[in-house]
N, C-alpha and C. Protein backbone atom coordinates (compact mmCIF):
# COMPACT_ATOMS: atom_id res chain seq x y z
N MET A 1 -37.48 149.98 -86.29
CA MET A 1 -36.81 149.39 -87.24
C MET A 1 -37.79 148.84 -88.44
N LEU A 2 -37.04 148.89 -89.60
CA LEU A 2 -37.84 148.40 -90.87
C LEU A 2 -37.35 146.98 -91.03
N GLN A 3 -38.20 145.92 -90.46
CA GLN A 3 -37.78 144.62 -90.50
C GLN A 3 -38.25 144.02 -91.80
N GLN A 4 -37.68 144.44 -92.91
CA GLN A 4 -37.92 143.87 -94.23
C GLN A 4 -36.86 143.93 -95.24
N VAL A 5 -36.67 142.87 -96.07
CA VAL A 5 -35.64 142.80 -96.99
C VAL A 5 -36.36 143.27 -98.24
N PHE A 6 -35.55 144.43 -99.05
CA PHE A 6 -36.12 144.75 -100.12
C PHE A 6 -35.29 144.16 -101.35
N SER A 7 -35.88 143.81 -102.43
CA SER A 7 -35.29 143.21 -103.61
C SER A 7 -34.92 144.45 -104.46
N VAL A 8 -33.82 144.55 -105.00
CA VAL A 8 -33.42 145.80 -105.69
C VAL A 8 -32.58 145.49 -106.88
N THR A 9 -32.46 146.29 -107.69
CA THR A 9 -31.66 146.24 -109.07
C THR A 9 -30.53 147.40 -108.81
N GLY A 10 -29.26 146.91 -108.98
CA GLY A 10 -28.29 147.95 -108.96
C GLY A 10 -27.05 147.30 -109.39
N ASN A 11 -25.91 147.98 -109.27
CA ASN A 11 -24.56 147.48 -109.84
C ASN A 11 -24.11 146.51 -108.63
N LYS A 12 -24.09 145.27 -108.90
CA LYS A 12 -23.75 144.07 -108.20
C LYS A 12 -24.56 144.11 -106.72
N ILE A 13 -25.68 144.42 -106.70
CA ILE A 13 -26.38 144.43 -105.32
C ILE A 13 -27.87 143.84 -105.95
N ALA A 14 -28.37 143.02 -105.13
CA ALA A 14 -29.78 142.34 -105.18
C ALA A 14 -30.67 142.64 -104.07
N SER A 15 -30.19 142.96 -102.85
CA SER A 15 -31.03 143.00 -101.80
C SER A 15 -30.59 144.12 -100.68
N LEU A 16 -31.61 144.68 -100.01
CA LEU A 16 -31.26 145.70 -99.29
C LEU A 16 -32.00 145.49 -97.79
N LEU A 17 -31.16 145.86 -96.85
CA LEU A 17 -31.83 145.85 -95.36
C LEU A 17 -31.27 147.02 -94.70
N ALA A 18 -32.52 147.64 -93.87
CA ALA A 18 -32.18 148.88 -93.30
C ALA A 18 -31.67 148.07 -91.77
N GLY A 19 -30.35 148.49 -91.53
CA GLY A 19 -29.72 148.01 -90.43
C GLY A 19 -29.85 148.93 -89.36
N GLU A 20 -29.41 148.84 -87.98
CA GLU A 20 -29.34 149.80 -86.98
C GLU A 20 -28.67 150.95 -87.42
N LYS A 21 -27.55 150.92 -87.97
CA LYS A 21 -26.72 152.09 -88.15
C LYS A 21 -26.50 152.34 -89.56
N ALA A 22 -26.95 151.56 -90.53
CA ALA A 22 -26.72 151.81 -92.02
C ALA A 22 -27.59 151.03 -92.90
N PHE A 23 -27.61 151.25 -93.96
CA PHE A 23 -28.35 150.54 -95.07
C PHE A 23 -27.23 149.52 -95.59
N LEU A 24 -27.74 148.30 -95.65
CA LEU A 24 -26.81 147.15 -96.00
C LEU A 24 -27.42 146.75 -97.33
N PHE A 25 -26.37 146.58 -98.14
CA PHE A 25 -26.66 145.99 -99.79
C PHE A 25 -25.93 144.72 -99.85
N SER A 26 -26.51 143.83 -100.48
CA SER A 26 -25.70 142.53 -100.78
C SER A 26 -26.27 141.94 -102.22
N SER A 27 -25.18 141.44 -102.60
CA SER A 27 -25.40 140.84 -104.18
C SER A 27 -26.31 139.41 -104.23
N GLN A 28 -26.53 139.10 -102.94
CA GLN A 28 -27.34 138.02 -102.85
C GLN A 28 -28.86 138.15 -102.53
N HIS A 29 -29.61 137.29 -102.96
CA HIS A 29 -31.11 137.43 -102.72
C HIS A 29 -31.65 136.72 -101.50
N PHE A 30 -32.19 137.47 -100.73
CA PHE A 30 -32.79 136.91 -99.39
C PHE A 30 -34.17 137.19 -99.22
N THR A 31 -35.04 136.38 -98.42
CA THR A 31 -36.26 136.43 -98.13
C THR A 31 -36.78 136.91 -96.78
N SER A 32 -35.79 137.04 -95.89
CA SER A 32 -36.01 137.26 -94.46
C SER A 32 -34.81 138.20 -93.99
N PRO A 33 -35.07 139.01 -93.13
CA PRO A 33 -33.87 139.80 -92.39
C PRO A 33 -33.00 138.98 -91.65
N GLU A 34 -33.55 137.80 -91.04
CA GLU A 34 -32.53 137.00 -90.36
C GLU A 34 -31.45 136.24 -91.30
N ALA A 35 -32.01 135.78 -92.50
CA ALA A 35 -31.10 135.25 -93.37
C ALA A 35 -30.05 136.26 -93.92
N PHE A 36 -30.56 137.36 -94.07
CA PHE A 36 -29.75 138.53 -94.61
C PHE A 36 -28.58 138.82 -93.68
N GLN A 37 -28.96 138.94 -92.34
CA GLN A 37 -28.11 139.21 -91.33
C GLN A 37 -26.92 138.10 -91.17
N ALA A 38 -27.60 136.89 -91.10
CA ALA A 38 -26.59 135.86 -91.04
C ALA A 38 -25.47 135.84 -91.95
N ALA A 39 -25.95 135.98 -93.25
CA ALA A 39 -25.01 136.03 -94.40
C ALA A 39 -24.11 137.22 -94.23
N TRP A 40 -24.60 138.25 -93.90
CA TRP A 40 -23.80 139.48 -93.83
C TRP A 40 -22.61 139.46 -92.86
N GLU A 41 -22.88 138.70 -91.67
CA GLU A 41 -21.96 138.46 -90.56
C GLU A 41 -20.84 137.46 -90.90
N LYS A 42 -21.04 136.74 -91.88
CA LYS A 42 -20.10 135.73 -92.21
C LYS A 42 -18.85 136.63 -92.78
N LYS A 43 -17.66 136.23 -92.26
CA LYS A 43 -16.21 136.88 -92.68
C LYS A 43 -15.78 136.35 -94.03
N LEU A 44 -16.12 135.13 -94.32
CA LEU A 44 -15.66 134.72 -95.67
C LEU A 44 -16.76 134.57 -96.62
N SER A 45 -16.87 135.29 -97.53
CA SER A 45 -17.96 135.35 -98.55
C SER A 45 -17.55 135.93 -99.78
N LEU A 46 -18.15 135.45 -101.00
CA LEU A 46 -17.90 135.81 -102.28
C LEU A 46 -18.91 136.79 -102.69
N ALA A 47 -19.91 137.03 -101.75
CA ALA A 47 -20.84 138.10 -102.08
C ALA A 47 -20.42 139.46 -101.98
N THR A 48 -20.90 140.42 -102.74
CA THR A 48 -20.70 141.82 -102.71
C THR A 48 -21.46 142.51 -101.60
N LYS A 49 -20.76 143.19 -100.82
CA LYS A 49 -21.39 143.76 -99.64
C LYS A 49 -21.17 145.31 -99.54
N VAL A 50 -22.23 146.11 -99.55
CA VAL A 50 -21.98 147.58 -99.55
C VAL A 50 -22.84 148.11 -98.31
N GLU A 51 -21.98 148.94 -97.56
CA GLU A 51 -22.62 149.48 -96.21
C GLU A 51 -22.72 150.94 -96.34
N VAL A 52 -23.87 151.52 -96.13
CA VAL A 52 -23.93 153.00 -96.30
C VAL A 52 -24.38 153.46 -94.96
N LYS A 53 -23.59 154.06 -94.08
CA LYS A 53 -23.79 154.42 -92.88
C LYS A 53 -24.84 155.68 -92.92
N TYR A 54 -25.83 155.55 -92.00
CA TYR A 54 -26.85 156.70 -92.09
C TYR A 54 -26.21 158.22 -91.78
N GLU A 55 -25.10 158.01 -91.02
CA GLU A 55 -24.44 159.45 -90.45
C GLU A 55 -23.71 159.97 -91.60
N ALA A 56 -23.41 159.11 -92.72
CA ALA A 56 -22.64 159.51 -93.72
C ALA A 56 -23.26 159.99 -94.99
N ILE A 57 -24.61 159.80 -95.07
CA ILE A 57 -25.45 160.08 -96.04
C ILE A 57 -25.71 161.66 -96.28
N LYS A 58 -25.49 162.13 -97.43
CA LYS A 58 -25.59 163.65 -97.77
C LYS A 58 -27.02 163.86 -98.25
N SER A 59 -27.53 162.97 -99.25
CA SER A 59 -28.77 163.23 -99.64
C SER A 59 -29.26 161.83 -100.21
N VAL A 60 -30.57 161.82 -100.45
CA VAL A 60 -31.18 160.77 -101.12
C VAL A 60 -32.36 161.30 -102.11
N HIS A 61 -32.27 160.89 -103.31
CA HIS A 61 -33.19 161.40 -104.11
C HIS A 61 -33.77 160.56 -105.16
N LYS A 62 -34.92 160.94 -105.72
CA LYS A 62 -35.48 160.10 -106.97
C LYS A 62 -36.42 160.94 -107.66
N ASP A 63 -36.16 160.92 -108.89
CA ASP A 63 -36.99 161.74 -109.90
C ASP A 63 -38.31 161.02 -110.21
N ASP A 64 -39.16 161.85 -110.59
CA ASP A 64 -40.66 161.29 -110.61
C ASP A 64 -40.82 160.57 -112.02
N ASP A 65 -39.88 160.82 -112.99
CA ASP A 65 -40.02 160.07 -114.24
C ASP A 65 -39.13 158.67 -114.41
N GLY A 66 -38.85 158.16 -113.34
CA GLY A 66 -37.97 157.09 -113.29
C GLY A 66 -38.18 156.27 -111.96
N SER A 67 -37.33 155.22 -111.92
CA SER A 67 -37.56 154.42 -110.68
C SER A 67 -36.30 154.35 -109.69
N THR A 68 -35.16 155.07 -110.15
CA THR A 68 -34.00 154.98 -109.51
C THR A 68 -33.82 155.80 -108.33
N ILE A 69 -33.29 155.39 -107.36
CA ILE A 69 -32.93 156.20 -106.15
C ILE A 69 -31.57 156.29 -105.99
N LEU A 70 -31.18 157.42 -105.67
CA LEU A 70 -29.57 157.71 -105.62
C LEU A 70 -29.35 158.30 -104.15
N ILE A 71 -28.47 157.41 -103.33
CA ILE A 71 -28.05 157.92 -102.22
C ILE A 71 -26.39 158.43 -102.45
N LYS A 72 -26.26 159.67 -101.96
CA LYS A 72 -24.98 160.24 -101.95
C LYS A 72 -24.37 160.37 -100.50
N TYR A 73 -23.31 159.81 -100.35
CA TYR A 73 -22.82 159.62 -98.95
C TYR A 73 -21.24 159.67 -99.18
N LYS A 74 -20.70 159.59 -97.94
CA LYS A 74 -19.12 159.62 -97.93
C LYS A 74 -18.64 158.25 -97.24
N THR A 75 -17.49 157.77 -97.80
CA THR A 75 -16.92 156.43 -97.37
C THR A 75 -16.22 156.77 -96.03
N VAL A 76 -15.84 155.70 -95.54
CA VAL A 76 -15.02 155.75 -94.02
C VAL A 76 -13.70 156.74 -94.32
N LEU A 77 -13.35 156.75 -95.51
CA LEU A 77 -12.01 157.74 -95.70
C LEU A 77 -12.65 158.97 -96.24
N GLY A 78 -13.93 159.33 -96.04
CA GLY A 78 -14.33 160.79 -96.53
C GLY A 78 -14.36 160.93 -97.85
N ILE A 79 -14.50 160.16 -98.72
CA ILE A 79 -14.40 160.22 -100.15
C ILE A 79 -15.91 160.34 -100.82
N PRO A 80 -16.42 161.37 -101.24
CA PRO A 80 -17.81 161.29 -101.80
C PRO A 80 -17.99 160.03 -102.86
N THR A 81 -19.22 159.55 -102.77
CA THR A 81 -19.59 158.40 -103.67
C THR A 81 -21.07 158.40 -103.80
N ASN A 82 -21.64 157.32 -104.34
CA ASN A 82 -23.05 157.23 -104.35
C ASN A 82 -23.42 155.69 -104.52
N CYS A 83 -24.58 155.37 -104.25
CA CYS A 83 -25.20 154.13 -104.34
C CYS A 83 -26.42 154.27 -105.21
N GLU A 84 -26.60 153.62 -106.26
CA GLU A 84 -27.82 153.88 -107.35
C GLU A 84 -28.49 152.59 -107.27
N PHE A 85 -29.87 152.64 -107.12
CA PHE A 85 -30.67 151.28 -107.21
C PHE A 85 -32.12 151.49 -107.51
N SER A 86 -32.73 150.63 -107.90
CA SER A 86 -34.35 150.78 -107.92
C SER A 86 -34.85 149.50 -107.26
N LEU A 87 -36.05 149.79 -106.63
CA LEU A 87 -36.87 148.63 -106.03
C LEU A 87 -37.78 147.86 -107.04
N HIS A 88 -37.69 146.62 -106.66
CA HIS A 88 -38.51 145.73 -107.62
C HIS A 88 -40.04 145.88 -107.40
N ASP A 89 -40.41 146.06 -106.08
CA ASP A 89 -41.82 146.17 -105.75
C ASP A 89 -42.14 147.75 -105.69
N LYS A 90 -43.03 148.25 -106.68
CA LYS A 90 -43.34 149.72 -106.53
C LYS A 90 -43.89 150.10 -105.28
N SER A 91 -44.60 149.24 -104.61
CA SER A 91 -45.24 149.47 -103.28
C SER A 91 -44.26 149.62 -102.13
N ALA A 92 -43.08 149.33 -102.40
CA ALA A 92 -41.87 149.43 -101.39
C ALA A 92 -41.35 150.89 -101.36
N TYR A 93 -41.66 151.71 -102.39
CA TYR A 93 -41.12 152.96 -102.31
C TYR A 93 -41.57 153.84 -101.16
N PRO A 94 -42.86 153.84 -100.96
CA PRO A 94 -43.47 154.67 -99.81
C PRO A 94 -42.89 154.07 -98.47
N LEU A 95 -42.66 152.72 -98.30
CA LEU A 95 -42.11 152.42 -97.05
C LEU A 95 -40.79 152.76 -96.93
N PHE A 96 -39.89 152.73 -98.02
CA PHE A 96 -38.57 153.13 -97.98
C PHE A 96 -38.55 154.70 -97.63
N PHE A 97 -39.18 155.54 -98.09
CA PHE A 97 -39.31 157.01 -98.07
C PHE A 97 -39.79 157.23 -96.73
N ASN A 98 -40.82 156.57 -96.20
CA ASN A 98 -41.40 156.78 -94.82
C ASN A 98 -40.33 156.54 -93.71
N TYR A 99 -39.48 155.45 -93.99
CA TYR A 99 -38.31 154.93 -93.03
C TYR A 99 -37.32 156.33 -92.93
N LEU A 100 -37.09 156.89 -94.13
CA LEU A 100 -36.01 158.00 -94.11
C LEU A 100 -36.63 159.15 -93.13
N GLN A 101 -38.06 159.30 -93.32
CA GLN A 101 -38.50 160.39 -92.48
C GLN A 101 -38.80 160.08 -91.21
N LYS A 102 -39.59 159.11 -90.78
CA LYS A 102 -39.96 158.64 -89.42
C LYS A 102 -38.93 158.16 -88.72
N GLU A 103 -38.03 157.32 -89.22
CA GLU A 103 -36.91 156.67 -88.26
C GLU A 103 -35.66 157.40 -88.34
N LEU A 104 -35.32 157.97 -89.36
CA LEU A 104 -33.96 158.61 -89.59
C LEU A 104 -34.08 160.16 -89.65
N TYR A 105 -35.30 160.45 -89.48
CA TYR A 105 -35.74 162.09 -89.47
C TYR A 105 -35.10 162.83 -90.55
N PHE A 106 -35.02 162.28 -91.76
CA PHE A 106 -34.72 163.22 -92.91
C PHE A 106 -35.92 164.02 -93.36
N THR A 107 -35.55 165.19 -93.61
CA THR A 107 -36.39 166.24 -94.14
C THR A 107 -36.66 166.11 -95.75
N ARG A 108 -37.98 165.97 -95.95
CA ARG A 108 -38.49 165.79 -97.39
C ARG A 108 -38.75 166.93 -98.07
N GLN A 109 -38.25 167.20 -99.42
CA GLN A 109 -38.37 168.24 -100.00
C GLN A 109 -38.63 167.88 -101.61
N GLU A 110 -39.39 168.64 -102.33
CA GLU A 110 -39.76 168.49 -103.69
C GLU A 110 -39.19 169.70 -104.40
N GLU A 111 -38.53 169.36 -105.61
CA GLU A 111 -38.07 170.51 -106.37
C GLU A 111 -38.41 170.34 -107.97
N LYS A 112 -38.59 171.21 -108.57
CA LYS A 112 -38.83 171.21 -110.02
C LYS A 112 -37.24 171.30 -110.66
N LEU A 113 -36.79 170.54 -111.36
CA LEU A 113 -35.38 170.55 -111.90
C LEU A 113 -35.54 171.43 -113.14
N THR A 114 -34.43 172.14 -113.33
CA THR A 114 -34.22 173.23 -114.41
C THR A 114 -34.07 172.19 -115.73
N PRO A 115 -34.16 172.66 -116.85
CA PRO A 115 -34.10 171.84 -117.96
C PRO A 115 -32.59 171.38 -118.10
N LEU A 116 -31.62 172.43 -117.83
CA LEU A 116 -30.15 171.90 -117.92
C LEU A 116 -29.78 170.87 -116.98
N LYS A 117 -30.32 171.17 -115.75
CA LYS A 117 -29.82 170.34 -114.43
C LYS A 117 -30.44 168.78 -114.97
N SER A 118 -31.53 168.88 -115.57
CA SER A 118 -32.21 167.42 -115.68
C SER A 118 -31.64 166.60 -116.66
N ILE A 119 -30.63 167.21 -117.50
CA ILE A 119 -29.98 166.26 -118.50
C ILE A 119 -28.54 166.31 -118.29
N VAL A 120 -27.96 166.72 -117.24
CA VAL A 120 -26.55 166.58 -116.97
C VAL A 120 -25.89 165.10 -117.17
N ASN A 121 -26.56 164.29 -116.67
CA ASN A 121 -25.99 163.01 -116.76
C ASN A 121 -26.14 162.44 -118.29
N TYR A 122 -27.11 162.79 -119.02
CA TYR A 122 -27.17 162.47 -120.43
C TYR A 122 -26.08 163.18 -121.13
N LEU A 123 -25.93 164.29 -120.81
CA LEU A 123 -24.68 165.09 -121.56
C LEU A 123 -23.35 164.60 -121.24
N ILE A 124 -23.18 164.20 -120.04
CA ILE A 124 -22.05 163.27 -119.72
C ILE A 124 -21.85 161.99 -120.46
N GLY A 125 -23.01 161.31 -120.43
CA GLY A 125 -23.10 159.91 -121.19
C GLY A 125 -22.80 160.24 -122.81
N LEU A 126 -23.35 161.25 -123.35
CA LEU A 126 -23.12 161.59 -124.81
C LEU A 126 -21.74 161.82 -124.86
N ALA A 127 -21.14 162.73 -124.24
CA ALA A 127 -19.65 163.14 -124.33
C ALA A 127 -18.75 161.59 -124.14
N ALA A 128 -19.11 160.88 -123.33
CA ALA A 128 -18.32 159.59 -123.09
C ALA A 128 -18.67 158.49 -124.39
N THR A 129 -19.80 158.55 -124.80
CA THR A 129 -20.22 157.84 -126.02
C THR A 129 -19.29 158.32 -127.24
N LEU A 130 -19.27 159.48 -127.48
CA LEU A 130 -18.50 160.04 -128.62
C LEU A 130 -17.04 159.79 -128.56
N ALA A 131 -16.62 160.10 -127.25
CA ALA A 131 -15.13 159.75 -127.15
C ALA A 131 -14.86 158.34 -127.30
N PHE A 132 -15.50 157.49 -126.80
CA PHE A 132 -15.22 156.10 -126.90
C PHE A 132 -15.36 155.62 -128.37
N THR A 133 -16.52 156.05 -129.08
CA THR A 133 -16.73 155.78 -130.36
C THR A 133 -15.48 156.25 -131.25
N ALA A 134 -14.94 157.37 -130.98
CA ALA A 134 -13.77 157.95 -131.74
C ALA A 134 -12.49 157.12 -131.40
N PHE A 135 -12.36 156.58 -130.29
CA PHE A 135 -11.20 155.71 -130.00
C PHE A 135 -11.45 154.39 -130.63
N SER A 136 -12.60 153.97 -130.64
CA SER A 136 -12.83 152.50 -131.22
C SER A 136 -12.66 152.52 -132.64
N TYR A 137 -13.07 153.70 -133.35
CA TYR A 137 -13.00 153.89 -134.59
C TYR A 137 -11.46 153.76 -135.00
N SER A 138 -10.61 154.73 -134.39
CA SER A 138 -9.26 154.63 -134.51
C SER A 138 -8.54 153.12 -134.51
N GLU A 139 -8.95 152.36 -133.46
CA GLU A 139 -8.40 151.13 -133.27
C GLU A 139 -8.95 150.11 -134.34
N ALA A 140 -10.21 150.49 -134.98
CA ALA A 140 -10.78 149.61 -136.03
C ALA A 140 -9.88 149.79 -137.22
N LEU A 141 -9.50 150.92 -137.55
CA LEU A 141 -8.69 151.32 -138.69
C LEU A 141 -7.24 150.68 -138.47
N LYS A 142 -6.69 150.76 -137.25
CA LYS A 142 -5.29 150.07 -137.04
C LYS A 142 -5.55 148.51 -137.24
N ILE A 143 -6.54 147.99 -136.93
CA ILE A 143 -6.73 146.61 -136.99
C ILE A 143 -6.76 146.16 -138.52
N ALA A 144 -7.54 146.94 -139.22
CA ALA A 144 -7.69 146.85 -140.61
C ALA A 144 -6.38 146.88 -141.29
N ASN A 145 -5.48 147.76 -140.83
CA ASN A 145 -4.32 148.10 -141.42
C ASN A 145 -3.18 147.21 -140.83
N GLY A 146 -3.47 146.48 -139.98
CA GLY A 146 -2.45 145.40 -139.20
C GLY A 146 -1.34 146.27 -138.48
N THR A 147 -1.82 147.52 -137.96
CA THR A 147 -0.93 148.29 -137.18
C THR A 147 -1.27 148.38 -135.73
N VAL A 148 -2.40 147.67 -135.40
CA VAL A 148 -2.73 147.73 -133.94
C VAL A 148 -1.75 147.25 -132.99
N ALA A 149 -1.57 147.82 -131.60
CA ALA A 149 -0.59 147.47 -130.84
C ALA A 149 -1.14 145.95 -130.25
N GLU A 150 -0.14 145.18 -129.90
CA GLU A 150 -0.43 143.90 -129.33
C GLU A 150 -1.22 143.98 -128.09
N ALA A 151 -2.14 143.05 -127.91
CA ALA A 151 -3.08 143.10 -126.66
C ALA A 151 -2.03 142.57 -125.50
N HIS A 152 -2.24 143.22 -124.35
CA HIS A 152 -1.51 142.68 -123.11
C HIS A 152 -2.36 142.14 -122.22
N SER A 153 -3.55 141.87 -122.32
CA SER A 153 -4.63 141.51 -121.35
C SER A 153 -5.68 140.68 -122.09
N GLY A 154 -6.58 140.01 -121.38
CA GLY A 154 -7.61 139.39 -122.02
C GLY A 154 -8.77 140.53 -122.40
N LYS A 155 -8.87 141.33 -121.60
CA LYS A 155 -9.90 142.44 -121.87
C LYS A 155 -9.59 143.14 -123.08
N GLU A 156 -8.11 143.37 -123.29
CA GLU A 156 -7.67 144.10 -124.51
C GLU A 156 -7.88 143.20 -125.78
N GLN A 157 -7.64 142.02 -125.65
CA GLN A 157 -7.96 141.08 -126.63
C GLN A 157 -9.27 140.86 -127.12
N LEU A 158 -10.24 141.02 -125.91
CA LEU A 158 -11.76 140.95 -126.25
C LEU A 158 -12.16 141.99 -127.01
N PHE A 159 -11.61 143.30 -126.60
CA PHE A 159 -12.03 144.57 -127.09
C PHE A 159 -11.60 144.50 -128.61
N ASN A 160 -10.43 144.18 -128.99
CA ASN A 160 -9.90 144.10 -130.12
C ASN A 160 -10.70 143.30 -131.08
N GLU A 161 -10.97 142.13 -130.67
CA GLU A 161 -11.89 141.13 -131.49
C GLU A 161 -13.30 141.81 -131.82
N ALA A 162 -13.87 142.36 -130.74
CA ALA A 162 -15.08 142.98 -131.01
C ALA A 162 -14.99 144.13 -131.92
N VAL A 163 -14.08 144.95 -131.91
CA VAL A 163 -13.81 145.86 -132.75
C VAL A 163 -13.55 145.60 -134.14
N GLY A 164 -12.73 144.51 -134.20
CA GLY A 164 -12.41 143.91 -135.35
C GLY A 164 -13.55 143.36 -136.25
N ALA A 165 -14.47 142.87 -135.24
CA ALA A 165 -15.58 142.16 -136.02
C ALA A 165 -16.65 143.30 -136.48
N LEU A 166 -16.83 144.31 -135.93
CA LEU A 166 -17.77 145.39 -136.21
C LEU A 166 -17.00 146.09 -137.49
N GLY A 167 -15.80 146.51 -137.49
CA GLY A 167 -15.14 147.03 -138.59
C GLY A 167 -15.37 148.63 -138.20
N ASP A 168 -14.71 149.53 -138.98
CA ASP A 168 -14.78 150.95 -138.84
C ASP A 168 -16.23 151.41 -139.10
N LYS A 169 -16.99 151.01 -140.05
CA LYS A 169 -18.34 151.42 -140.36
C LYS A 169 -19.32 150.74 -139.32
N GLY A 170 -19.01 149.58 -138.75
CA GLY A 170 -19.90 149.13 -137.77
C GLY A 170 -19.67 149.94 -136.40
N VAL A 171 -18.47 150.28 -136.15
CA VAL A 171 -18.18 151.08 -134.85
C VAL A 171 -18.93 152.28 -135.03
N LEU A 172 -18.90 153.08 -136.07
CA LEU A 172 -19.65 154.39 -136.29
C LEU A 172 -21.00 154.25 -136.21
N ALA A 173 -21.45 153.14 -136.70
CA ALA A 173 -23.15 152.92 -136.72
C ALA A 173 -23.48 152.66 -135.25
N ALA A 174 -22.84 151.69 -134.58
CA ALA A 174 -23.26 151.40 -133.21
C ALA A 174 -23.05 152.75 -132.23
N GLY A 175 -21.94 153.40 -132.33
CA GLY A 175 -21.84 154.85 -131.61
C GLY A 175 -22.94 155.70 -132.03
N GLY A 176 -23.15 155.82 -133.33
CA GLY A 176 -24.28 156.82 -133.75
C GLY A 176 -25.45 156.57 -133.28
N ILE A 177 -25.92 155.08 -133.09
CA ILE A 177 -27.22 154.70 -132.62
C ILE A 177 -27.31 155.09 -131.12
N LEU A 178 -26.30 154.79 -130.43
CA LEU A 178 -26.42 155.13 -128.90
C LEU A 178 -26.41 156.60 -128.66
N ALA A 179 -25.63 157.34 -129.52
CA ALA A 179 -25.55 158.85 -129.27
C ALA A 179 -26.93 159.27 -129.73
N ALA A 180 -27.55 158.80 -130.75
CA ALA A 180 -28.85 159.39 -130.99
C ALA A 180 -29.82 159.21 -130.01
N TYR A 181 -29.80 157.91 -129.40
CA TYR A 181 -30.67 157.53 -128.42
C TYR A 181 -30.54 158.39 -127.34
N LEU A 182 -29.37 158.69 -126.76
CA LEU A 182 -29.03 159.54 -125.43
C LEU A 182 -29.49 160.98 -125.79
N GLY A 183 -29.33 161.41 -127.09
CA GLY A 183 -29.72 162.68 -127.45
C GLY A 183 -31.26 162.91 -127.46
N TYR A 184 -31.99 161.76 -127.90
CA TYR A 184 -33.36 161.87 -127.84
C TYR A 184 -33.97 161.98 -126.52
N ARG A 185 -33.39 161.07 -125.46
CA ARG A 185 -33.73 161.13 -124.23
C ARG A 185 -33.34 162.38 -123.47
N ALA A 186 -32.24 163.01 -123.98
CA ALA A 186 -31.89 164.36 -123.27
C ALA A 186 -32.94 165.21 -123.72
N TRP A 187 -33.45 165.36 -125.01
CA TRP A 187 -34.18 166.38 -125.57
C TRP A 187 -35.69 166.38 -124.85
N LYS A 188 -36.14 164.98 -124.68
CA LYS A 188 -37.48 164.73 -124.08
C LYS A 188 -37.40 165.39 -122.58
N ARG A 189 -36.32 165.05 -121.96
CA ARG A 189 -36.23 165.63 -120.39
C ARG A 189 -35.96 167.01 -120.44
N PHE A 190 -35.38 167.63 -121.41
CA PHE A 190 -35.04 169.06 -121.33
C PHE A 190 -36.37 169.49 -121.83
N SER A 191 -37.36 169.18 -122.53
CA SER A 191 -38.56 169.73 -122.89
C SER A 191 -39.53 169.63 -121.82
N ASN A 192 -39.29 168.71 -120.98
CA ASN A 192 -40.27 168.45 -119.71
C ASN A 192 -39.77 167.97 -118.56
N PRO A 193 -38.93 168.96 -117.97
CA PRO A 193 -37.93 168.52 -116.71
C PRO A 193 -38.93 167.84 -115.58
N PRO A 194 -38.45 166.71 -115.06
CA PRO A 194 -39.14 166.03 -113.86
C PRO A 194 -39.12 166.74 -112.66
N ASN A 195 -39.83 166.30 -111.70
CA ASN A 195 -39.82 166.76 -110.23
C ASN A 195 -38.96 165.94 -109.54
N ARG A 196 -38.06 166.45 -108.57
CA ARG A 196 -37.35 165.52 -107.96
C ARG A 196 -37.70 165.41 -106.40
N LEU A 197 -37.71 164.23 -105.87
CA LEU A 197 -38.09 164.03 -104.44
C LEU A 197 -36.72 163.91 -103.89
N LEU A 198 -36.56 164.80 -102.80
CA LEU A 198 -35.08 165.01 -102.20
C LEU A 198 -35.40 164.83 -100.62
N PHE A 199 -34.57 163.99 -100.16
CA PHE A 199 -34.43 163.70 -98.53
C PHE A 199 -33.02 164.22 -97.99
N LEU A 200 -33.03 165.17 -97.09
CA LEU A 200 -31.94 165.52 -96.55
C LEU A 200 -31.82 165.10 -95.13
N PRO A 201 -30.65 164.75 -94.61
CA PRO A 201 -30.37 164.22 -93.22
C PRO A 201 -30.50 165.39 -92.29
N PRO A 202 -30.88 165.09 -91.05
CA PRO A 202 -30.99 166.13 -89.91
C PRO A 202 -29.99 166.87 -89.81
N ASN A 203 -30.19 168.35 -89.51
CA ASN A 203 -29.18 169.26 -89.21
C ASN A 203 -28.38 169.64 -90.47
N THR A 204 -29.22 169.42 -91.75
CA THR A 204 -28.44 169.77 -92.92
C THR A 204 -28.39 171.18 -93.11
């Protein structure tokens, strides 16, 4: 067993512990496996907890031009999902990958991504940015004309206030800057696709 708590950065997660049957993620910070386990077993807790069972993992990968590890797995309901995170300590990556190979018997592979495959996520992000910018621009015009629909929640009210403060030109400028950044990142990756380190579970 890997008796170590990893400090991680991810969506509402800050710590990782390799348990007996699963990777355990918590939004709390811990310095020892004992403290992590004790907090994990508490029934009443405000902390975010994510359990990724080893038997449910479909693949684990990391591209060599970044620090993000992506675990693809299935939930208890059989729904495909993923857990994305990066390790704070660079020296922890070999430990984590070695655990996958030596303890969980995952097979290690390396592949050179094709230009198109390497930028799929950027293309999705670019499409989402353009769609959101178009919607926000439309709302900004309605706010300026006084025809915007009344907000029915705090989030809608906050969105309207932000869009109203930016105005139609501000929305286009912000959306354009983000789209340009994503386009630039996609172009760089397309020009020089990274290698992908891939781990597959036994009997795959």
